Amino acid sequence: MIIPVIMAGGSGTRLWPLSRTAFPKQFIALTSSLTMLQETAARINGLSGSSSTAVQTAAPMIICNEEHRFLVAEQMRQQQLNPSILLEPVGRNTAPAIALAAIKALESDKEAVLLVLAADHVIEDIEAFQAAILKAEALAKDDYLVTFGIVPTAAETGYGYIKREGKQKKHAFSVAEFVEKPNAELAQSYVDSGDYYWNSGMFAFKASAYLAALQQYAPEMLTACEKAFQHAETDVDFIRLNKEWFEQCPDDSIDYAVMEKTDKAVVIPLDAAWNDVGSWSALWEVKDKDDSGNALTGDVLAIDTHHSFVHSENKLVTVVGMDNVVIVETADAVMVTAKDKVQDVKKIVAQLKATQRSEASVHRKGYRPWGHYDSVDSGERYKTKHIVVKPGAKLSMQKHHHRAEHWVVVKGTALVTKGDETLLLAENESTYIPLGVVHRLENPGVIPLEIVEIQTGSYLGEDDIVRFEDKYGRS
């Protein structure tokens, strides 16, 4: 059985302001109506060979951090998938994360083949991709550790490379070495030689074979991962790994910890219109373009503009007489850069973090397991939010030390707990929650509940919440 393992960590800072720490690119619909995470999961649908080589594929296993757990669960629910979701308490790179997935996989299938995928890649040729997976599965069953090498289309300096050597069976090559990101001259020599591929960061191998390699080359890592899994806690839909043990794990990539050391590493060439969408220029490459080479999204008017990327979420964006630029508008930020400078967007994010600007990490719209909110307006002692609560969902029982709240129902029905009082509010009805009063908002209906919330007080931060009970397991 193939178990897809989707690595859903990462912050995607080079795609700021659309991608942010609390809502990175893998959870955003960048190239279709599906988010990148959903696209990754959908890519495995219908995976099969001929009638004699049909492949059984399990529900995906997803590895993410604590902050993104509800985003993962909700986006998988929308695809009617029920994955195992492993929560990393701290980041420790790819080798430990994959080890945790392998340990989990062996609980149900001792012969399980892991298909390790990144959640934020674009692969346009699904047929070629699935054909490569079938080749990889056959090799994995023979205990090879397979990686997928992207056939290069240019001398890219932003990717690592894999050098191949003598041909193995079943359309794969032995791995000679993994190479870090090269300079332009070296990258060109790699492409000209025909012996190098871009390092995709995707792998296939038996869970048991990977753990055996860890035992040989990184035994301390394996021990820490085994202990972290043994002492894990199941929290609603999530497996929460033990932080004390996982913190002892070395911080290493799978390339460094295993693939560079084993003699069982092989690479399968993959030519499937792959793109890691690591920058705005990379996203421009995969987007549909108009006759002037512009990729335009949203309410955009471009005149005498060429080979540019313009994205609008909320406002009319007009561009006149510009070539090779990137313009991105969100509810709370506008970013403009030359297309050949998009790698430096991360410097903007670093400066925002250094000055503790919230725009570095969060959007105006915040997503929660019960729904979402949009911070419409704010001032010195007030904040106005548009809150949407999903049918049957409810916020935690809570109170605030520094703010009072006024709720006005604009759509649906609200069930409100306020101290010892319970209220059922219809559209155009309202209630006031004084500072310090324990309260809860629920949606007992079958349509989304929408309210306008007006907060007043001396401090209006999202961390001014004391929870007494929460169905989603939040502290």
Foldseek 3Di string as FASTA:
>chain_A
DEAEEEEEEDQLLLPPPVTFALRGQLLDPQADPAGLLLVVQCLCPPQQDPPVTGDDYDFYEYEYAPSCVLSVVVSCVVVVTQYAYEHDPDAQAALLVLLLVLVVVCVPPQFYKYKYYYSQKDFAQSVLVSVVVSLQVVLQSVLFKEFAFELDPALDQVFKKWFFDDDDPSQKTFTPAIGHRDDSVVSVVQNVVSGMGTGRLIIIHRSVSSLVQCCVQPVLQSVLSVQQQVPWDDFPSHTYTDNVSNVSHHRDYCRVRGVRPDRRYIYHYGHGPMFSCSHPLSSLVSHDADPQSEREEDQEAEECEHNEYEYEDDDYHYYYNYYQKYWYDDPPDIDIDRNVCSVCSSVVLVVCVVVVNCSNHDDQWDADSQGIKGFPDDDQFKTKIKDKGAAFGKFFFKAFQWKKKKKAWQAAWKWKDWAPDTDIDHHRDIDIHDHPTTMMIGHNDHGITIIMMMMGGNDDDPPRIDGDDGPNRDD
